[in-house]
Protein backbone atom coordinates (compact mmCIF):
# COMPACT_ATOMS: atom_id res chain seq x y z
CA UNK A 1 103.02 129.83 98.74
CA UNK A 2 105.94 129.11 100.84
CA UNK A 3 107.65 125.84 100.14
CA UNK A 4 107.71 125.41 104.04
CA UNK A 5 103.96 125.58 104.32
CA UNK A 6 103.47 123.41 101.22
CA UNK A 7 105.75 120.67 102.48
CA UNK A 8 104.16 120.66 105.89
CA UNK A 9 100.61 120.35 104.40
CA UNK A 10 101.81 117.58 102.05
CA UNK A 11 103.32 115.79 104.89
CA UNK A 12 100.13 116.05 106.99
CA UNK A 13 98.14 114.83 104.09
CA UNK A 14 100.45 111.75 103.61
CA UNK A 15 100.21 110.97 107.32
CA UNK A 16 96.42 110.82 107.04
CA UNK A 17 96.72 108.52 104.23
CA UNK A 18 98.88 106.26 106.42
CA UNK A 19 96.14 106.39 109.13
CA UNK A 20 98.03 108.58 111.52
CA UNK A 21 95.47 111.20 112.69
CA UNK A 22 97.02 112.98 115.56
CA UNK A 23 100.28 114.08 113.98
CA UNK A 24 98.75 116.07 111.03
CA UNK A 25 96.80 118.12 113.67
CA UNK A 26 100.01 118.84 115.55
CA UNK A 27 101.77 119.76 112.36
CA UNK A 28 98.98 122.28 111.27
CA UNK A 29 98.77 123.82 114.75
CA UNK A 30 102.52 124.35 114.61
CA UNK A 31 102.16 126.27 111.38
CA UNK A 32 100.74 129.05 113.53
CA UNK A 33 104.32 129.68 114.86
CA UNK A 34 105.31 130.83 111.31
CA UNK A 35 102.39 133.08 110.73
CA UNK A 36 103.03 136.73 112.03
CA UNK A 37 99.85 138.48 110.75
CA UNK A 38 97.49 138.94 113.90
CA UNK A 39 94.33 138.75 111.80
CA UNK A 40 95.41 135.50 110.22
CA UNK A 41 96.45 134.16 113.66
CA UNK A 42 92.91 135.13 115.09
CA UNK A 43 91.37 133.11 112.32
CA UNK A 44 93.62 130.14 113.10
CA UNK A 45 92.78 130.25 116.74
CA UNK A 46 89.10 130.49 116.24
CA UNK A 47 89.04 127.63 113.79
CA UNK A 48 91.18 125.37 116.02
CA UNK A 49 89.09 126.15 119.04
CA UNK A 50 85.85 125.25 117.10
CA UNK A 51 87.23 122.07 115.67
CA UNK A 52 88.51 120.96 119.15
CA UNK A 53 85.16 121.91 120.81
CA UNK A 54 83.27 119.75 118.25
CA UNK A 55 85.77 117.01 118.46
CA UNK A 56 85.67 116.70 122.19
CA UNK A 57 81.94 116.78 122.34
CA UNK A 58 81.62 114.04 119.74
CA UNK A 59 84.42 112.06 121.37
CA UNK A 60 82.83 112.05 124.74
CA UNK A 61 79.38 110.99 123.21
CA UNK A 62 81.18 107.99 121.50
CA UNK A 63 83.01 106.96 124.55
CA UNK A 64 79.76 107.03 126.70
CA UNK A 65 77.81 104.83 124.33
CA UNK A 66 77.20 101.19 125.45
CA UNK A 67 77.69 98.38 123.02
CA UNK A 68 80.51 96.94 121.13
CA UNK A 69 83.89 98.36 121.97
CA UNK A 70 85.23 97.76 118.54
CA UNK A 71 82.57 99.87 117.08
CA UNK A 72 83.25 102.63 119.42
CA UNK A 73 86.98 102.33 118.44
CA UNK A 74 86.08 102.57 114.73
CA UNK A 75 83.96 105.63 115.28
CA UNK A 76 86.79 107.36 117.25
CA UNK A 77 89.24 106.65 114.46
CA UNK A 78 86.63 108.05 112.11
CA UNK A 79 86.27 111.12 114.15
CA UNK A 80 90.03 111.59 114.40
CA UNK A 81 90.42 111.23 110.61
CA UNK A 82 87.68 113.85 110.02
CA UNK A 83 89.48 116.23 112.48
CA UNK A 84 92.85 115.68 110.95
CA UNK A 85 91.19 116.40 107.40
CA UNK A 86 89.46 119.53 108.54
CA UNK A 87 92.84 120.94 109.74
CA UNK A 88 94.62 120.15 106.53
CA UNK A 89 91.76 121.56 104.46
CA UNK A 90 91.74 124.70 106.49
CA UNK A 91 95.34 125.45 106.62
CA UNK A 92 95.82 124.63 102.84
CA UNK A 93 93.01 127.13 101.97
CA UNK A 94 94.53 129.67 104.40
CA UNK A 95 98.06 129.47 102.87
CA UNK A 96 96.71 129.84 99.27
CA UNK A 97 94.20 132.67 100.25
CA UNK A 98 96.92 134.58 102.04
CA UNK A 99 100.04 133.52 100.00
CA UNK A 100 101.80 132.23 103.08
């Protein structure tokens, strides 16, 4: 596996550990700029679109809830963490499966 991909994935993982959940998603999405195989790019696009679709639907659902604003904030942070972890997991497996 390329040292570049490995470093980016490790960085994204470390950011999640530091409770930064948006930057890892951007880092993983930017990896697509270094992938030149169209089949792999298609897999990435399909994955990212599905994750974002699910994230947006759940985000809207949380935001429309009545009740404690702090609880909604915790739910949104948990949702963002799950999203970031999904991206790291997918791109880590992708780089290993395709020796990127």
